[in-house]
Amino acid sequence: MLKSKTSRTSSNSKTVFYKTKEKYEVSSECSNCGKKAKEIQKALNEGKKDPEKEKEILKRLEEQGLIKGEIKTKIR
């Protein structure tokens, strides 16, 4: 997120732009999976990943032929 800060003096003003981390605010629990708002907020703050879900996505992509499971190289 890009924010600005303006400093003013009697002769001129100067605006400085700086970056901040995006903040998420969870207002209610998930109606699809039933997780509580605290769990969702914690996952967003920590960047927590679900390894089982990642494996499932990789398996699906392999079945569709979009990625290869292992990269095999021949040594000469």
PDB file of N, CA and C in Angstrom:
ATOM      1  N   MET A   1       0.844  -1.142   0.000  1.00  0.00           N
ATOM      2  CA  MET A   1       0.000   0.000   0.000  1.00  0.00           C
ATOM      3  C   MET A   1       0.906   1.225   0.000  1.00  0.00           C
ATOM      4  N   LEU A   2       0.589   2.200  -0.797  1.00  0.00           N
ATOM      5  CA  LEU A   2       1.383   3.405  -0.924  1.00  0.00           C
ATOM      6  C   LEU A   2       0.703   4.532  -0.149  1.00  0.00           C
ATOM      7  N   LYS A   3       1.449   5.144   0.767  1.00  0.00           N
ATOM      8  CA  LYS A   3       0.927   6.261   1.550  1.00  0.00           C
ATOM      9  C   LYS A   3       1.824   7.465   1.333  1.00  0.00           C
ATOM     10  N   SER A   4       1.308   8.625   1.697  1.00  0.00           N
ATOM     11  CA  SER A   4       2.099   9.843   1.551  1.00  0.00           C
ATOM     12  C   SER A   4       2.136  10.608   2.863  1.00  0.00           C
ATOM     13  N   LYS A   5       3.205  11.347   3.026  1.00  0.00           N
ATOM     14  CA  LYS A   5       3.372  12.189   4.201  1.00  0.00           C
ATOM     15  C   LYS A   5       3.831  13.553   3.702  1.00  0.00           C
ATOM     16  N   THR A   6       3.142  14.610   4.127  1.00  0.00           N
ATOM     17  CA  THR A   6       3.460  15.956   3.673  1.00  0.00           C
ATOM     18  C   THR A   6       3.992  16.775   4.835  1.00  0.00           C
ATOM     19  N   SER A   7       5.148  17.385   4.626  1.00  0.00           N
ATOM     20  CA  SER A   7       5.693  18.291   5.632  1.00  0.00           C
ATOM     21  C   SER A   7       5.632  19.704   5.065  1.00  0.00           C
ATOM     22  N   ARG A   8       5.188  20.613   5.886  1.00  0.00           N
ATOM     23  CA  ARG A   8       5.003  21.988   5.422  1.00  0.00           C
ATOM     24  C   ARG A   8       5.826  22.946   6.266  1.00  0.00           C
ATOM     25  N   THR A   9       6.380  23.919   5.590  1.00  0.00           N
ATOM     26  CA  THR A   9       7.050  25.031   6.253  1.00  0.00           C
ATOM     27  C   THR A   9       6.434  26.316   5.698  1.00  0.00           C
ATOM     28  N   SER A  10       6.900  27.451   6.163  1.00  0.00           N
ATOM     29  CA  SER A  10       6.327  28.709   5.684  1.00  0.00           C
ATOM     30  C   SER A  10       6.652  28.976   4.219  1.00  0.00           C
ATOM     31  N   SER A  11       7.747  28.418   3.724  1.00  0.00           N
ATOM     32  CA  SER A  11       8.140  28.702   2.345  1.00  0.00           C
ATOM     33  C   SER A  11       7.648  27.664   1.328  1.00  0.00           C
ATOM     34  N   ASN A  12       7.557  26.396   1.725  1.00  0.00           N
ATOM     35  CA  ASN A  12       7.127  25.371   0.772  1.00  0.00           C
ATOM     36  C   ASN A  12       6.622  24.128   1.499  1.00  0.00           C
ATOM     37  N   SER A  13       6.191  23.156   0.724  1.00  0.00           N
ATOM     38  CA  SER A  13       5.777  21.876   1.282  1.00  0.00           C
ATOM     39  C   SER A  13       6.432  20.757   0.483  1.00  0.00           C
ATOM     40  N   LYS A  14       6.621  19.639   1.153  1.00  0.00           N
ATOM     41  CA  LYS A  14       7.284  18.503   0.524  1.00  0.00           C
ATOM     42  C   LYS A  14       6.468  17.250   0.824  1.00  0.00           C
ATOM     43  N   THR A  15       6.173  16.472  -0.213  1.00  0.00           N
ATOM     44  CA  THR A  15       5.421  15.228  -0.063  1.00  0.00           C
ATOM     45  C   THR A  15       6.350  14.049  -0.302  1.00  0.00           C
ATOM     46  N   VAL A  16       6.355  13.122   0.642  1.00  0.00           N
ATOM     47  CA  VAL A  16       7.184  11.923   0.544  1.00  0.00           C
ATOM     48  C   VAL A  16       6.253  10.720   0.511  1.00  0.00           C
ATOM     49  N   PHE A  17       6.470   9.817  -0.444  1.00  0.00           N
ATOM     50  CA  PHE A  17       5.672   8.598  -0.552  1.00  0.00           C
ATOM     51  C   PHE A  17       6.460   7.432   0.026  1.00  0.00           C
ATOM     52  N   TYR A  18       5.767   6.537   0.721  1.00  0.00           N
ATOM     53  CA  TYR A  18       6.410   5.367   1.300  1.00  0.00           C
ATOM     54  C   TYR A  18       5.438   4.188   1.265  1.00  0.00           C
ATOM     55  N   LYS A  19       6.018   2.994   1.308  1.00  0.00           N
ATOM     56  CA  LYS A  19       5.219   1.765   1.239  1.00  0.00           C
ATOM     57  C   LYS A  19       4.952   1.230   2.635  1.00  0.00           C
ATOM     58  N   THR A  20       3.769   0.679   2.822  1.00  0.00           N
ATOM     59  CA  THR A  20       3.408  -0.007   4.054  1.00  0.00           C
ATOM     60  C   THR A  20       2.814  -1.365   3.687  1.00  0.00           C
ATOM     61  N   LYS A  21       2.821  -2.263   4.639  1.00  0.00           N
ATOM     62  CA  LYS A  21       2.225  -3.576   4.392  1.00  0.00           C
ATOM     63  C   LYS A  21       0.705  -3.449   4.354  1.00  0.00           C
ATOM     64  N   GLU A  22       0.093  -4.267   3.514  1.00  0.00           N
ATOM     65  CA  GLU A  22      -1.357  -4.268   3.462  1.00  0.00           C
ATOM     66  C   GLU A  22      -1.903  -4.937   4.707  1.00  0.00           C
ATOM     67  N   LYS A  23      -3.004  -4.426   5.197  1.00  0.00           N
ATOM     68  CA  LYS A  23      -3.627  -4.992   6.380  1.00  0.00           C
ATOM     69  C   LYS A  23      -4.998  -5.531   6.004  1.00  0.00           C
ATOM     70  N   TYR A  24      -5.317  -6.671   6.562  1.00  0.00           N
ATOM     71  CA  TYR A  24      -6.610  -7.298   6.338  1.00  0.00           C
ATOM     72  C   TYR A  24      -7.364  -7.337   7.653  1.00  0.00           C
ATOM     73  N   GLU A  25      -8.648  -7.101   7.577  1.00  0.00           N
ATOM     74  CA  GLU A  25      -9.480  -7.186   8.763  1.00  0.00           C
ATOM     75  C   GLU A  25     -10.625  -8.148   8.458  1.00  0.00           C
ATOM     76  N   VAL A  26     -10.700  -9.218   9.216  1.00  0.00           N
ATOM     77  CA  VAL A  26     -11.727 -10.232   9.015  1.00  0.00           C
ATOM     78  C   VAL A  26     -12.911  -9.882   9.904  1.00  0.00           C
ATOM     79  N   SER A  27     -14.078  -9.764   9.296  1.00  0.00           N
ATOM     80  CA  SER A  27     -15.248  -9.325  10.060  1.00  0.00           C
ATOM     81  C   SER A  27     -16.120 -10.487  10.542  1.00  0.00           C
ATOM     82  N   SER A  28     -16.083 -11.610   9.852  1.00  0.00           N
ATOM     83  CA  SER A  28     -16.927 -12.734  10.276  1.00  0.00           C
ATOM     84  C   SER A  28     -16.267 -14.051   9.885  1.00  0.00           C
ATOM     85  N   GLU A  29     -16.830 -15.145  10.359  1.00  0.00           N
ATOM     86  CA  GLU A  29     -16.270 -16.457  10.035  1.00  0.00           C
ATOM     87  C   GLU A  29     -16.643 -16.848   8.612  1.00  0.00           C
ATOM     88  N   CYS A  30     -15.948 -17.838   8.101  1.00  0.00           N
ATOM     89  CA  CYS A  30     -16.150 -18.294   6.726  1.00  0.00           C
ATOM     90  C   CYS A  30     -17.385 -19.186   6.647  1.00  0.00           C
ATOM     91  N   SER A  31     -18.276 -18.853   5.741  1.00  0.00           N
ATOM     92  CA  SER A  31     -19.492 -19.663   5.593  1.00  0.00           C
ATOM     93  C   SER A  31     -19.214 -20.947   4.815  1.00  0.00           C
ATOM     94  N   ASN A  32     -18.139 -20.979   4.012  1.00  0.00           N
ATOM     95  CA  ASN A  32     -17.828 -22.169   3.213  1.00  0.00           C
ATOM     96  C   ASN A  32     -17.137 -23.260   4.022  1.00  0.00           C
ATOM     97  N   CYS A  33     -16.068 -22.883   4.738  1.00  0.00           N
ATOM     98  CA  CYS A  33     -15.296 -23.906   5.452  1.00  0.00           C
ATOM     99  C   CYS A  33     -15.584 -23.930   6.947  1.00  0.00           C
ATOM    100  N   GLY A  34     -16.221 -22.889   7.488  1.00  0.00           N
ATOM    101  CA  GLY A  34     -16.589 -22.868   8.897  1.00  0.00           C
ATOM    102  C   GLY A  34     -15.477 -22.445   9.839  1.00  0.00           C
ATOM    103  N   LYS A  35     -14.384 -21.899   9.313  1.00  0.00           N
ATOM    104  CA  LYS A  35     -13.294 -21.457  10.184  1.00  0.00           C
ATOM    105  C   LYS A  35     -13.685 -20.161  10.880  1.00  0.00           C
ATOM    106  N   LYS A  36     -13.174 -20.006  12.088  1.00  0.00           N
ATOM    107  CA  LYS A  36     -13.481 -18.815  12.866  1.00  0.00           C
ATOM    108  C   LYS A  36     -12.670 -17.626  12.353  1.00  0.00           C
ATOM    109  N   ALA A  37     -13.134 -16.427  12.673  1.00  0.00           N
ATOM    110  CA  ALA A  37     -12.490 -15.204  12.208  1.00  0.00           C
ATOM    111  C   ALA A  37     -11.062 -15.086  12.737  1.00  0.00           C
ATOM    112  N   LYS A  38     -10.823 -15.553  13.970  1.00  0.00           N
ATOM    113  CA  LYS A  38      -9.469 -15.487  14.542  1.00  0.00           C
ATOM    114  C   LYS A  38      -8.499 -16.361  13.767  1.00  0.00           C
ATOM    115  N   GLU A  39      -8.945 -17.554  13.359  1.00  0.00           N
ATOM    116  CA  GLU A  39      -8.081 -18.461  12.593  1.00  0.00           C
ATOM    117  C   GLU A  39      -7.729 -17.854  11.238  1.00  0.00           C
ATOM    118  N   ILE A  40      -8.725 -17.238  10.595  1.00  0.00           N
ATOM    119  CA  ILE A  40      -8.496 -16.628   9.286  1.00  0.00           C
ATOM    120  C   ILE A  40      -7.534 -15.451   9.425  1.00  0.00           C
ATOM    121  N   GLN A  41      -7.736 -14.622  10.451  1.00  0.00           N
ATOM    122  CA  GLN A  41      -6.875 -13.471  10.687  1.00  0.00           C
ATOM    123  C   GLN A  41      -5.435 -13.919  10.951  1.00  0.00           C
ATOM    124  N   LYS A  42      -5.272 -14.978  11.725  1.00  0.00           N
ATOM    125  CA  LYS A  42      -3.938 -15.495  12.034  1.00  0.00           C
ATOM    126  C   LYS A  42      -3.245 -15.984  10.758  1.00  0.00           C
ATOM    127  N   ALA A  43      -3.977 -16.690   9.907  1.00  0.00           N
ATOM    128  CA  ALA A  43      -3.409 -17.199   8.662  1.00  0.00           C
ATOM    129  C   ALA A  43      -3.007 -16.054   7.736  1.00  0.00           C
ATOM    130  N   LEU A  44      -3.798 -14.999   7.683  1.00  0.00           N
ATOM    131  CA  LEU A  44      -3.462 -13.853   6.842  1.00  0.00           C
ATOM    132  C   LEU A  44      -2.235 -13.121   7.364  1.00  0.00           C
ATOM    133  N   ASN A  45      -2.127 -12.974   8.676  1.00  0.00           N
ATOM    134  CA  ASN A  45      -0.991 -12.269   9.266  1.00  0.00           C
ATOM    135  C   ASN A  45       0.308 -13.039   9.114  1.00  0.00           C
ATOM    136  N   GLU A  46       0.260 -14.350   9.287  1.00  0.00           N
ATOM    137  CA  GLU A  46       1.457 -15.178   9.244  1.00  0.00           C
ATOM    138  C   GLU A  46       1.803 -15.652   7.843  1.00  0.00           C
ATOM    139  N   GLY A  47       0.856 -15.597   6.933  1.00  0.00           N
ATOM    140  CA  GLY A  47       1.110 -16.128   5.603  1.00  0.00           C
ATOM    141  C   GLY A  47       1.168 -17.645   5.636  1.00  0.00           C
ATOM    142  N   LYS A  48       0.367 -18.253   6.477  1.00  0.00           N
ATOM    143  CA  LYS A  48       0.368 -19.697   6.677  1.00  0.00           C
ATOM    144  C   LYS A  48      -0.144 -20.410   5.433  1.00  0.00           C
ATOM    145  N   LYS A  49       0.535 -21.495   5.079  1.00  0.00           N
ATOM    146  CA  LYS A  49       0.150 -22.277   3.919  1.00  0.00           C
ATOM    147  C   LYS A  49      -0.272 -23.671   4.378  1.00  0.00           C
ATOM    148  N   ASP A  50      -1.199 -24.239   3.660  1.00  0.00           N
ATOM    149  CA  ASP A  50      -1.685 -25.577   3.958  1.00  0.00           C
ATOM    150  C   ASP A  50      -0.960 -26.562   3.036  1.00  0.00           C
ATOM    151  N   PRO A  51      -0.038 -27.380   3.566  1.00  0.00           N
ATOM    152  CA  PRO A  51       0.738 -28.282   2.706  1.00  0.00           C
ATOM    153  C   PRO A  51      -0.127 -29.329   1.999  1.00  0.00           C
ATOM    154  N   GLU A  52      -1.205 -29.779   2.636  1.00  0.00           N
ATOM    155  CA  GLU A  52      -2.078 -30.763   1.994  1.00  0.00           C
ATOM    156  C   GLU A  52      -2.762 -30.162   0.772  1.00  0.00           C
ATOM    157  N   LYS A  53      -3.194 -28.927   0.899  1.00  0.00           N
ATOM    158  CA  LYS A  53      -3.865 -28.260  -0.205  1.00  0.00           C
ATOM    159  C   LYS A  53      -2.881 -28.023  -1.353  1.00  0.00           C
ATOM    160  N   GLU A  54      -1.631 -27.671  -1.016  1.00  0.00           N
ATOM    161  CA  GLU A  54      -0.623 -27.472  -2.046  1.00  0.00           C
ATOM    162  C   GLU A  54      -0.341 -28.763  -2.806  1.00  0.00           C
ATOM    163  N   LYS A  55      -0.261 -29.892  -2.078  1.00  0.00           N
ATOM    164  CA  LYS A  55      -0.038 -31.185  -2.727  1.00  0.00           C
ATOM    165  C   LYS A  55      -1.191 -31.520  -3.661  1.00  0.00           C
ATOM    166  N   GLU A  56      -2.410 -31.233  -3.220  1.00  0.00           N
ATOM    167  CA  GLU A  56      -3.595 -31.501  -4.032  1.00  0.00           C
ATOM    168  C   GLU A  56      -3.574 -30.669  -5.320  1.00  0.00           C
ATOM    169  N   ILE A  57      -3.177 -29.410  -5.209  1.00  0.00           N
ATOM    170  CA  ILE A  57      -3.105 -28.543  -6.381  1.00  0.00           C
ATOM    171  C   ILE A  57      -2.026 -29.039  -7.340  1.00  0.00           C
ATOM    172  N   LEU A  58      -0.850 -29.413  -6.812  1.00  0.00           N
ATOM    173  CA  LEU A  58       0.219 -29.930  -7.667  1.00  0.00           C
ATOM    174  C   LEU A  58      -0.193 -31.212  -8.367  1.00  0.00           C
ATOM    175  N   LYS A  59      -0.895 -32.097  -7.651  1.00  0.00           N
ATOM    176  CA  LYS A  59      -1.361 -33.353  -8.243  1.00  0.00           C
ATOM    177  C   LYS A  59      -2.327 -33.074  -9.393  1.00  0.00           C
ATOM    178  N   ARG A  60      -3.247 -32.127  -9.184  1.00  0.00           N
ATOM    179  CA  ARG A  60      -4.216 -31.781 -10.209  1.00  0.00           C
ATOM    180  C   ARG A  60      -3.526 -31.189 -11.441  1.00  0.00           C
ATOM    181  N   LEU A  61      -2.507 -30.340 -11.227  1.00  0.00           N
ATOM    182  CA  LEU A  61      -1.786 -29.759 -12.344  1.00  0.00           C
ATOM    183  C   LEU A  61      -0.990 -30.817 -13.115  1.00  0.00           C
ATOM    184  N   GLU A  62      -0.438 -31.799 -12.396  1.00  0.00           N
ATOM    185  CA  GLU A  62       0.276 -32.892 -13.059  1.00  0.00           C
ATOM    186  C   GLU A  62      -0.678 -33.719 -13.912  1.00  0.00           C
ATOM    187  N   GLU A  63      -1.869 -33.988 -13.393  1.00  0.00           N
ATOM    188  CA  GLU A  63      -2.850 -34.772 -14.149  1.00  0.00           C
ATOM    189  C   GLU A  63      -3.290 -34.049 -15.414  1.00  0.00           C
ATOM    190  N   GLN A  64      -3.344 -32.727 -15.347  1.00  0.00           N
ATOM    191  CA  GLN A  64      -3.735 -31.944 -16.519  1.00  0.00           C
ATOM    192  C   GLN A  64      -2.583 -31.770 -17.497  1.00  0.00           C
ATOM    193  N   GLY A  65      -1.381 -32.151 -17.077  1.00  0.00           N
ATOM    194  CA  GLY A  65      -0.216 -32.058 -17.946  1.00  0.00           C
ATOM    195  C   GLY A  65       0.398 -30.670 -18.003  1.00  0.00           C
ATOM    196  N   LEU A  66       0.078 -29.830 -17.047  1.00  0.00           N
ATOM    197  CA  LEU A  66       0.616 -28.469 -17.050  1.00  0.00           C
ATOM    198  C   LEU A  66       2.006 -28.387 -16.434  1.00  0.00           C
ATOM    199  N   ILE A  67       2.310 -29.294 -15.503  1.00  0.00           N
ATOM    200  CA  ILE A  67       3.646 -29.338 -14.917  1.00  0.00           C
ATOM    201  C   ILE A  67       4.111 -30.783 -14.868  1.00  0.00           C
ATOM    202  N   LYS A  68       5.412 -30.963 -14.740  1.00  0.00           N
ATOM    203  CA  LYS A  68       5.972 -32.303 -14.615  1.00  0.00           C
ATOM    204  C   LYS A  68       6.272 -32.565 -13.154  1.00  0.00           C
ATOM    205  N   GLY A  69       6.025 -33.772 -12.703  1.00  0.00           N
ATOM    206  CA  GLY A  69       6.255 -34.133 -11.308  1.00  0.00           C
ATOM    207  C   GLY A  69       7.703 -34.078 -10.916  1.00  0.00           C
ATOM    208  N   GLU A  70       8.560 -34.641 -11.733  1.00  0.00           N
ATOM    209  CA  GLU A  70       9.994 -34.636 -11.449  1.00  0.00           C
ATOM    210  C   GLU A  70      10.735 -34.227 -12.701  1.00  0.00           C
ATOM    211  N   ILE A  71      11.806 -33.533 -12.506  1.00  0.00           N
ATOM    212  CA  ILE A  71      12.654 -33.167 -13.642  1.00  0.00           C
ATOM    213  C   ILE A  71      13.822 -34.145 -13.664  1.00  0.00           C
ATOM    214  N   LYS A  72      13.902 -34.893 -14.721  1.00  0.00           N
ATOM    215  CA  LYS A  72      14.946 -35.903 -14.840  1.00  0.00           C
ATOM    216  C   LYS A  72      15.964 -35.436 -15.871  1.00  0.00           C
ATOM    217  N   THR A  73      17.232 -35.500 -15.500  1.00  0.00           N
ATOM    218  CA  THR A  73      18.296 -35.117 -16.409  1.00  0.00           C
ATOM    219  C   THR A  73      19.225 -36.293 -16.598  1.00  0.00           C
ATOM    220  N   LYS A  74      19.806 -36.375 -17.768  1.00  0.00           N
ATOM    221  CA  LYS A  74      20.768 -37.417 -18.065  1.00  0.00           C
ATOM    222  C   LYS A  74      22.163 -36.857 -17.855  1.00  0.00           C
ATOM    223  N   ILE A  75      22.989 -37.598 -17.146  1.00  0.00           N
ATOM    224  CA  ILE A  75      24.366 -37.191 -16.914  1.00  0.00           C
ATOM    225  C   ILE A  75      25.230 -37.894 -17.924  1.00  0.00           C
ATOM    226  N   ARG A  76      26.032 -37.131 -18.632  1.00  0.00           N
ATOM    227  CA  ARG A  76      26.907 -37.731 -19.658  1.00  0.00           C
ATOM    228  C   ARG A  76      28.303 -37.837 -19.157  1.00  0.00           C
TER     229      ARG A  76
END
